[in-house]
Amino acid sequence: MTSPVIIQVMGEASGKLKGKENVGAYWAKALQRLPDLHFELTTILWGVDTITLYYKGHRGFSAEVFFLDENRMVFKSFAHYATF
């Protein structure tokens, strides 16, 4: 998972996390900070072995690109924010 928010929440300068355990720890910590966090889905964009979710969150408009493996499982994701 790659997101500029990882830098703030986890103190990971690269903005990248690997593994379900690390991503889970990130979300647990983020939700402690923002327990009422919610997203308003705008649209879903389909690509070749990718899905992009375009939504509005507490930071404004955002897009997350999810890369899918041959089993249609996410193996990599990138978050993008209109405002940071």
PDB file of N, CA and C in Angstrom:
ATOM      1  N   MET A   1       0.853  -1.172   0.000  1.00  0.00           N
ATOM      2  CA  MET A   1       0.000   0.000   0.000  1.00  0.00           C
ATOM      3  C   MET A   1       0.895   1.230   0.000  1.00  0.00           C
ATOM      4  N   THR A   2       0.535   2.200  -0.828  1.00  0.00           N
ATOM      5  CA  THR A   2       1.283   3.448  -0.914  1.00  0.00           C
ATOM      6  C   THR A   2       0.318   4.609  -0.721  1.00  0.00           C
ATOM      7  N   SER A   3       0.648   5.486   0.224  1.00  0.00           N
ATOM      8  CA  SER A   3      -0.191   6.643   0.504  1.00  0.00           C
ATOM      9  C   SER A   3       0.630   7.692   1.243  1.00  0.00           C
ATOM     10  N   PRO A   4       0.449   8.963   0.918  1.00  0.00           N
ATOM     11  CA  PRO A   4       1.136   9.994   1.684  1.00  0.00           C
ATOM     12  C   PRO A   4       0.675  10.038   3.145  1.00  0.00           C
ATOM     13  N   VAL A   5      -0.503   9.535   3.426  1.00  0.00           N
ATOM     14  CA  VAL A   5      -1.009   9.529   4.797  1.00  0.00           C
ATOM     15  C   VAL A   5      -0.214   8.538   5.668  1.00  0.00           C
ATOM     16  N   ILE A   6       0.344   7.511   5.057  1.00  0.00           N
ATOM     17  CA  ILE A   6       1.170   6.552   5.799  1.00  0.00           C
ATOM     18  C   ILE A   6       2.340   7.274   6.461  1.00  0.00           C
ATOM     19  N   ILE A   7       2.873   8.285   5.786  1.00  0.00           N
ATOM     20  CA  ILE A   7       3.979   9.052   6.352  1.00  0.00           C
ATOM     21  C   ILE A   7       3.552   9.681   7.671  1.00  0.00           C
ATOM     22  N   GLN A   8       2.376  10.285   7.705  1.00  0.00           N
ATOM     23  CA  GLN A   8       1.878  10.954   8.902  1.00  0.00           C
ATOM     24  C   GLN A   8       1.466   9.970   9.984  1.00  0.00           C
ATOM     25  N   VAL A   9       0.721   8.956   9.620  1.00  0.00           N
ATOM     26  CA  VAL A   9       0.141   8.043  10.613  1.00  0.00           C
ATOM     27  C   VAL A   9       1.182   7.071  11.170  1.00  0.00           C
ATOM     28  N   MET A  10       2.017   6.521  10.298  1.00  0.00           N
ATOM     29  CA  MET A  10       2.954   5.481  10.719  1.00  0.00           C
ATOM     30  C   MET A  10       4.391   5.977  10.874  1.00  0.00           C
ATOM     31  N   GLY A  11       4.664   7.186  10.411  1.00  0.00           N
ATOM     32  CA  GLY A  11       6.031   7.687  10.471  1.00  0.00           C
ATOM     33  C   GLY A  11       6.962   6.977   9.498  1.00  0.00           C
ATOM     34  N   GLU A  12       6.396   6.369   8.473  1.00  0.00           N
ATOM     35  CA  GLU A  12       7.174   5.649   7.452  1.00  0.00           C
ATOM     36  C   GLU A  12       7.470   6.616   6.315  1.00  0.00           C
ATOM     37  N   ALA A  13       8.721   7.062   6.216  1.00  0.00           N
ATOM     38  CA  ALA A  13       9.108   8.109   5.275  1.00  0.00           C
ATOM     39  C   ALA A  13       8.836   7.758   3.818  1.00  0.00           C
ATOM     40  N   SER A  14       8.860   6.482   3.471  1.00  0.00           N
ATOM     41  CA  SER A  14       8.623   6.079   2.083  1.00  0.00           C
ATOM     42  C   SER A  14       7.156   6.189   1.686  1.00  0.00           C
ATOM     43  N   GLY A  15       6.251   6.231   2.669  1.00  0.00           N
ATOM     44  CA  GLY A  15       4.819   6.240   2.378  1.00  0.00           C
ATOM     45  C   GLY A  15       4.305   4.898   1.908  1.00  0.00           C
ATOM     46  N   LYS A  16       5.103   3.830   2.140  1.00  0.00           N
ATOM     47  CA  LYS A  16       4.744   2.496   1.660  1.00  0.00           C
ATOM     48  C   LYS A  16       4.705   1.492   2.802  1.00  0.00           C
ATOM     49  N   LEU A  17       3.747   0.575   2.720  1.00  0.00           N
ATOM     50  CA  LEU A  17       3.646  -0.540   3.668  1.00  0.00           C
ATOM     51  C   LEU A  17       3.495  -1.833   2.882  1.00  0.00           C
ATOM     52  N   LYS A  18       4.050  -2.915   3.411  1.00  0.00           N
ATOM     53  CA  LYS A  18       3.899  -4.234   2.796  1.00  0.00           C
ATOM     54  C   LYS A  18       3.321  -5.195   3.809  1.00  0.00           C
ATOM     55  N   GLY A  19       2.423  -6.064   3.365  1.00  0.00           N
ATOM     56  CA  GLY A  19       1.861  -7.111   4.199  1.00  0.00           C
ATOM     57  C   GLY A  19       0.571  -6.712   4.887  1.00  0.00           C
ATOM     58  N   LYS A  20      -0.303  -7.701   5.024  1.00  0.00           N
ATOM     59  CA  LYS A  20      -1.614  -7.477   5.647  1.00  0.00           C
ATOM     60  C   LYS A  20      -1.481  -6.966   7.074  1.00  0.00           C
ATOM     61  N   GLU A  21      -0.513  -7.494   7.822  1.00  0.00           N
ATOM     62  CA  GLU A  21      -0.350  -7.076   9.222  1.00  0.00           C
ATOM     63  C   GLU A  21       0.005  -5.593   9.313  1.00  0.00           C
ATOM     64  N   ASN A  22       0.914  -5.126   8.485  1.00  0.00           N
ATOM     65  CA  ASN A  22       1.309  -3.719   8.515  1.00  0.00           C
ATOM     66  C   ASN A  22       0.197  -2.800   8.032  1.00  0.00           C
ATOM     67  N   VAL A  23      -0.509  -3.211   6.993  1.00  0.00           N
ATOM     68  CA  VAL A  23      -1.630  -2.406   6.498  1.00  0.00           C
ATOM     69  C   VAL A  23      -2.742  -2.378   7.542  1.00  0.00           C
ATOM     70  N   GLY A  24      -2.998  -3.511   8.187  1.00  0.00           N
ATOM     71  CA  GLY A  24      -4.003  -3.559   9.248  1.00  0.00           C
ATOM     72  C   GLY A  24      -3.641  -2.643  10.416  1.00  0.00           C
ATOM     73  N   ALA A  25      -2.364  -2.619  10.788  1.00  0.00           N
ATOM     74  CA  ALA A  25      -1.910  -1.738  11.871  1.00  0.00           C
ATOM     75  C   ALA A  25      -2.091  -0.274  11.486  1.00  0.00           C
ATOM     76  N   TYR A  26      -1.838   0.030  10.229  1.00  0.00           N
ATOM     77  CA  TYR A  26      -2.040   1.397   9.737  1.00  0.00           C
ATOM     78  C   TYR A  26      -3.502   1.810   9.885  1.00  0.00           C
ATOM     79  N   TRP A  27      -4.424   0.961   9.405  1.00  0.00           N
ATOM     80  CA  TRP A  27      -5.845   1.305   9.485  1.00  0.00           C
ATOM     81  C   TRP A  27      -6.320   1.375  10.931  1.00  0.00           C
ATOM     82  N   ALA A  28      -5.821   0.514  11.791  1.00  0.00           N
ATOM     83  CA  ALA A  28      -6.208   0.566  13.211  1.00  0.00           C
ATOM     84  C   ALA A  28      -5.792   1.900  13.820  1.00  0.00           C
ATOM     85  N   LYS A  29      -4.582   2.327  13.535  1.00  0.00           N
ATOM     86  CA  LYS A  29      -4.079   3.593  14.078  1.00  0.00           C
ATOM     87  C   LYS A  29      -4.817   4.785  13.467  1.00  0.00           C
ATOM     88  N   ALA A  30      -5.064   4.727  12.159  1.00  0.00           N
ATOM     89  CA  ALA A  30      -5.780   5.820  11.493  1.00  0.00           C
ATOM     90  C   ALA A  30      -7.199   5.961  12.040  1.00  0.00           C
ATOM     91  N   LEU A  31      -7.868   4.830  12.263  1.00  0.00           N
ATOM     92  CA  LEU A  31      -9.241   4.886  12.779  1.00  0.00           C
ATOM     93  C   LEU A  31      -9.303   5.302  14.239  1.00  0.00           C
ATOM     94  N   GLN A  32      -8.238   5.108  14.992  1.00  0.00           N
ATOM     95  CA  GLN A  32      -8.171   5.649  16.348  1.00  0.00           C
ATOM     96  C   GLN A  32      -8.158   7.174  16.304  1.00  0.00           C
ATOM     97  N   ARG A  33      -7.453   7.725  15.330  1.00  0.00           N
ATOM     98  CA  ARG A  33      -7.375   9.176  15.167  1.00  0.00           C
ATOM     99  C   ARG A  33      -8.669   9.778  14.636  1.00  0.00           C
ATOM    100  N   LEU A  34      -9.338   9.040  13.753  1.00  0.00           N
ATOM    101  CA  LEU A  34     -10.578   9.516  13.121  1.00  0.00           C
ATOM    102  C   LEU A  34     -11.648   8.437  13.214  1.00  0.00           C
ATOM    103  N   PRO A  35     -12.221   8.237  14.394  1.00  0.00           N
ATOM    104  CA  PRO A  35     -13.175   7.138  14.562  1.00  0.00           C
ATOM    105  C   PRO A  35     -14.449   7.275  13.724  1.00  0.00           C
ATOM    106  N   ASP A  36     -14.790   8.475  13.290  1.00  0.00           N
ATOM    107  CA  ASP A  36     -15.990   8.692  12.487  1.00  0.00           C
ATOM    108  C   ASP A  36     -15.679   8.800  11.000  1.00  0.00           C
ATOM    109  N   LEU A  37     -14.514   8.321  10.592  1.00  0.00           N
ATOM    110  CA  LEU A  37     -14.103   8.395   9.201  1.00  0.00           C
ATOM    111  C   LEU A  37     -15.120   7.711   8.288  1.00  0.00           C
ATOM    112  N   HIS A  38     -15.484   8.397   7.217  1.00  0.00           N
ATOM    113  CA  HIS A  38     -16.374   7.793   6.231  1.00  0.00           C
ATOM    114  C   HIS A  38     -16.027   8.352   4.854  1.00  0.00           C
ATOM    115  N   PHE A  39     -16.444   7.643   3.833  1.00  0.00           N
ATOM    116  CA  PHE A  39     -16.164   8.010   2.459  1.00  0.00           C
ATOM    117  C   PHE A  39     -17.466   8.013   1.665  1.00  0.00           C
ATOM    118  N   GLU A  40     -17.547   8.926   0.706  1.00  0.00           N
ATOM    119  CA  GLU A  40     -18.682   8.970  -0.206  1.00  0.00           C
ATOM    120  C   GLU A  40     -18.174   8.564  -1.582  1.00  0.00           C
ATOM    121  N   LEU A  41     -18.556   7.380  -2.022  1.00  0.00           N
ATOM    122  CA  LEU A  41     -18.113   6.868  -3.313  1.00  0.00           C
ATOM    123  C   LEU A  41     -18.727   7.682  -4.441  1.00  0.00           C
ATOM    124  N   THR A  42     -17.875   8.161  -5.347  1.00  0.00           N
ATOM    125  CA  THR A  42     -18.324   8.915  -6.511  1.00  0.00           C
ATOM    126  C   THR A  42     -18.500   7.986  -7.703  1.00  0.00           C
ATOM    127  N   THR A  43     -17.469   7.204  -7.994  1.00  0.00           N
ATOM    128  CA  THR A  43     -17.541   6.261  -9.111  1.00  0.00           C
ATOM    129  C   THR A  43     -16.439   5.216  -8.985  1.00  0.00           C
ATOM    130  N   ILE A  44     -16.607   4.136  -9.731  1.00  0.00           N
ATOM    131  CA  ILE A  44     -15.608   3.077  -9.828  1.00  0.00           C
ATOM    132  C   ILE A  44     -15.159   3.018 -11.275  1.00  0.00           C
ATOM    133  N   LEU A  45     -13.851   3.042 -11.483  1.00  0.00           N
ATOM    134  CA  LEU A  45     -13.287   2.959 -12.822  1.00  0.00           C
ATOM    135  C   LEU A  45     -12.574   1.617 -12.964  1.00  0.00           C
ATOM    136  N   TRP A  46     -12.852   0.924 -14.080  1.00  0.00           N
ATOM    137  CA  TRP A  46     -12.247  -0.382 -14.333  1.00  0.00           C
ATOM    138  C   TRP A  46     -11.163  -0.250 -15.374  1.00  0.00           C
ATOM    139  N   GLY A  47     -10.054  -0.957 -15.160  1.00  0.00           N
ATOM    140  CA  GLY A  47      -8.976  -1.014 -16.136  1.00  0.00           C
ATOM    141  C   GLY A  47      -8.607  -2.470 -16.366  1.00  0.00           C
ATOM    142  N   VAL A  48      -7.461  -2.702 -16.957  1.00  0.00           N
ATOM    143  CA  VAL A  48      -6.949  -4.051 -17.148  1.00  0.00           C
ATOM    144  C   VAL A  48      -6.226  -4.447 -15.865  1.00  0.00           C
ATOM    145  N   ASP A  49      -6.808  -5.360 -15.127  1.00  0.00           N
ATOM    146  CA  ASP A  49      -6.255  -5.832 -13.850  1.00  0.00           C
ATOM    147  C   ASP A  49      -6.122  -4.728 -12.804  1.00  0.00           C
ATOM    148  N   THR A  50      -6.937  -3.685 -12.918  1.00  0.00           N
ATOM    149  CA  THR A  50      -6.964  -2.615 -11.923  1.00  0.00           C
ATOM    150  C   THR A  50      -8.389  -2.122 -11.723  1.00  0.00           C
ATOM    151  N   ILE A  51      -8.617  -1.563 -10.558  1.00  0.00           N
ATOM    152  CA  ILE A  51      -9.863  -0.869 -10.230  1.00  0.00           C
ATOM    153  C   ILE A  51      -9.458   0.430  -9.548  1.00  0.00           C
ATOM    154  N   THR A  52     -10.108   1.515  -9.918  1.00  0.00           N
ATOM    155  CA  THR A  52      -9.866   2.793  -9.256  1.00  0.00           C
ATOM    156  C   THR A  52     -11.165   3.248  -8.597  1.00  0.00           C
ATOM    157  N   LEU A  53     -11.091   3.521  -7.314  1.00  0.00           N
ATOM    158  CA  LEU A  53     -12.231   4.074  -6.584  1.00  0.00           C
ATOM    159  C   LEU A  53     -12.011   5.578  -6.475  1.00  0.00           C
ATOM    160  N   TYR A  54     -12.989   6.337  -6.932  1.00  0.00           N
ATOM    161  CA  TYR A  54     -12.950   7.786  -6.828  1.00  0.00           C
ATOM    162  C   TYR A  54     -13.995   8.167  -5.795  1.00  0.00           C
ATOM    163  N   TYR A  55     -13.574   8.889  -4.764  1.00  0.00           N
ATOM    164  CA  TYR A  55     -14.474   9.164  -3.652  1.00  0.00           C
ATOM    165  C   TYR A  55     -14.136  10.490  -2.983  1.00  0.00           C
ATOM    166  N   LYS A  56     -15.034  10.917  -2.101  1.00  0.00           N
ATOM    167  CA  LYS A  56     -14.797  12.101  -1.291  1.00  0.00           C
ATOM    168  C   LYS A  56     -14.672  11.656   0.157  1.00  0.00           C
ATOM    169  N   GLY A  57     -13.602  12.062   0.788  1.00  0.00           N
ATOM    170  CA  GLY A  57     -13.364  11.771   2.195  1.00  0.00           C
ATOM    171  C   GLY A  57     -13.131  13.060   2.960  1.00  0.00           C
ATOM    172  N   HIS A  58     -12.635  12.947   4.164  1.00  0.00           N
ATOM    173  CA  HIS A  58     -12.439  14.140   4.995  1.00  0.00           C
ATOM    174  C   HIS A  58     -11.348  15.060   4.450  1.00  0.00           C
ATOM    175  N   ARG A  59     -10.486  14.580   3.552  1.00  0.00           N
ATOM    176  CA  ARG A  59      -9.430  15.389   2.940  1.00  0.00           C
ATOM    177  C   ARG A  59      -9.861  15.992   1.600  1.00  0.00           C
ATOM    178  N   GLY A  60     -11.047  15.685   1.141  1.00  0.00           N
ATOM    179  CA  GLY A  60     -11.499  16.132  -0.172  1.00  0.00           C
ATOM    180  C   GLY A  60     -11.572  14.948  -1.117  1.00  0.00           C
ATOM    181  N   PHE A  61     -11.471  15.230  -2.417  1.00  0.00           N
ATOM    182  CA  PHE A  61     -11.566  14.163  -3.402  1.00  0.00           C
ATOM    183  C   PHE A  61     -10.301  13.323  -3.411  1.00  0.00           C
ATOM    184  N   SER A  62     -10.491  12.026  -3.583  1.00  0.00           N
ATOM    185  CA  SER A  62      -9.394  11.065  -3.556  1.00  0.00           C
ATOM    186  C   SER A  62      -9.653   9.973  -4.581  1.00  0.00           C
ATOM    187  N   ALA A  63      -8.580   9.294  -4.955  1.00  0.00           N
ATOM    188  CA  ALA A  63      -8.674   8.128  -5.829  1.00  0.00           C
ATOM    189  C   ALA A  63      -7.694   7.083  -5.319  1.00  0.00           C
ATOM    190  N   GLU A  64      -8.127   5.849  -5.303  1.00  0.00           N
ATOM    191  CA  GLU A  64      -7.247   4.744  -4.929  1.00  0.00           C
ATOM    192  C   GLU A  64      -7.263   3.728  -6.052  1.00  0.00           C
ATOM    193  N   VAL A  65      -6.080   3.368  -6.491  1.00  0.00           N
ATOM    194  CA  VAL A  65      -5.922   2.399  -7.567  1.00  0.00           C
ATOM    195  C   VAL A  65      -5.502   1.073  -6.948  1.00  0.00           C
ATOM    196  N   PHE A  66      -6.260   0.028  -7.242  1.00  0.00           N
ATOM    197  CA  PHE A  66      -5.988  -1.310  -6.720  1.00  0.00           C
ATOM    198  C   PHE A  66      -5.570  -2.210  -7.875  1.00  0.00           C
ATOM    199  N   PHE A  67      -4.430  -2.863  -7.730  1.00  0.00           N
ATOM    200  CA  PHE A  67      -3.920  -3.795  -8.734  1.00  0.00           C
ATOM    201  C   PHE A  67      -4.335  -5.205  -8.338  1.00  0.00           C
ATOM    202  N   LEU A  68      -4.889  -5.943  -9.302  1.00  0.00           N
ATOM    203  CA  LEU A  68      -5.449  -7.266  -9.045  1.00  0.00           C
ATOM    204  C   LEU A  68      -4.560  -8.359  -9.637  1.00  0.00           C
ATOM    205  N   ASP A  69      -4.413  -9.455  -8.893  1.00  0.00           N
ATOM    206  CA  ASP A  69      -3.653 -10.600  -9.404  1.00  0.00           C
ATOM    207  C   ASP A  69      -4.567 -11.505 -10.223  1.00  0.00           C
ATOM    208  N   GLU A  70      -4.057 -12.655 -10.636  1.00  0.00           N
ATOM    209  CA  GLU A  70      -4.829 -13.572 -11.491  1.00  0.00           C
ATOM    210  C   GLU A  70      -6.068 -14.130 -10.797  1.00  0.00           C
ATOM    211  N   ASN A  71      -6.121 -14.051  -9.455  1.00  0.00           N
ATOM    212  CA  ASN A  71      -7.295 -14.486  -8.689  1.00  0.00           C
ATOM    213  C   ASN A  71      -8.235 -13.325  -8.363  1.00  0.00           C
ATOM    214  N   ARG A  72      -7.942 -12.164  -8.962  1.00  0.00           N
ATOM    215  CA  ARG A  72      -8.735 -10.941  -8.749  1.00  0.00           C
ATOM    216  C   ARG A  72      -8.627 -10.433  -7.317  1.00  0.00           C
ATOM    217  N   MET A  73      -7.493 -10.726  -6.666  1.00  0.00           N
ATOM    218  CA  MET A  73      -7.214 -10.243  -5.317  1.00  0.00           C
ATOM    219  C   MET A  73      -6.253  -9.046  -5.410  1.00  0.00           C
ATOM    220  N   VAL A  74      -6.434  -8.077  -4.530  1.00  0.00           N
ATOM    221  CA  VAL A  74      -5.568  -6.900  -4.522  1.00  0.00           C
ATOM    222  C   VAL A  74      -4.183  -7.295  -4.010  1.00  0.00           C
ATOM    223  N   PHE A  75      -3.152  -6.908  -4.768  1.00  0.00           N
ATOM    224  CA  PHE A  75      -1.793  -7.161  -4.299  1.00  0.00           C
ATOM    225  C   PHE A  75      -0.985  -5.873  -4.156  1.00  0.00           C
ATOM    226  N   LYS A  76      -1.546  -4.755  -4.647  1.00  0.00           N
ATOM    227  CA  LYS A  76      -0.854  -3.474  -4.538  1.00  0.00           C
ATOM    228  C   LYS A  76      -1.896  -2.370  -4.663  1.00  0.00           C
ATOM    229  N   SER A  77      -1.687  -1.270  -3.946  1.00  0.00           N
ATOM    230  CA  SER A  77      -2.612  -0.140  -4.082  1.00  0.00           C
ATOM    231  C   SER A  77      -1.868   1.180  -3.908  1.00  0.00           C
ATOM    232  N   PHE A  78      -2.403   2.197  -4.564  1.00  0.00           N
ATOM    233  CA  PHE A  78      -1.852   3.548  -4.482  1.00  0.00           C
ATOM    234  C   PHE A  78      -2.994   4.510  -4.184  1.00  0.00           C
ATOM    235  N   ALA A  79      -2.820   5.364  -3.188  1.00  0.00           N
ATOM    236  CA  ALA A  79      -3.824   6.381  -2.847  1.00  0.00           C
ATOM    237  C   ALA A  79      -3.349   7.741  -3.347  1.00  0.00           C
ATOM    238  N   HIS A  80      -4.301   8.512  -3.856  1.00  0.00           N
ATOM    239  CA  HIS A  80      -4.013   9.849  -4.380  1.00  0.00           C
ATOM    240  C   HIS A  80      -5.037  10.825  -3.802  1.00  0.00           C
ATOM    241  N   TYR A  81      -4.591  12.028  -3.466  1.00  0.00           N
ATOM    242  CA  TYR A  81      -5.460  13.016  -2.832  1.00  0.00           C
ATOM    243  C   TYR A  81      -5.413  14.341  -3.579  1.00  0.00           C
ATOM    244  N   ALA A  82      -6.580  14.968  -3.776  1.00  0.00           N
ATOM    245  CA  ALA A  82      -6.662  16.255  -4.435  1.00  0.00           C
ATOM    246  C   ALA A  82      -6.101  17.350  -3.547  1.00  0.00           C
ATOM    247  N   THR A  83      -6.331  17.224  -2.265  1.00  0.00           N
ATOM    248  CA  THR A  83      -5.800  18.192  -1.295  1.00  0.00           C
ATOM    249  C   THR A  83      -5.124  17.399  -0.198  1.00  0.00           C
ATOM    250  N   PHE A  84      -4.076  17.928   0.345  1.00  0.00           N
ATOM    251  CA  PHE A  84      -3.371  17.189   1.392  1.00  0.00           C
ATOM    252  C   PHE A  84      -3.001  18.083   2.529  1.00  0.00           C
TER     253      PHE A  84
END
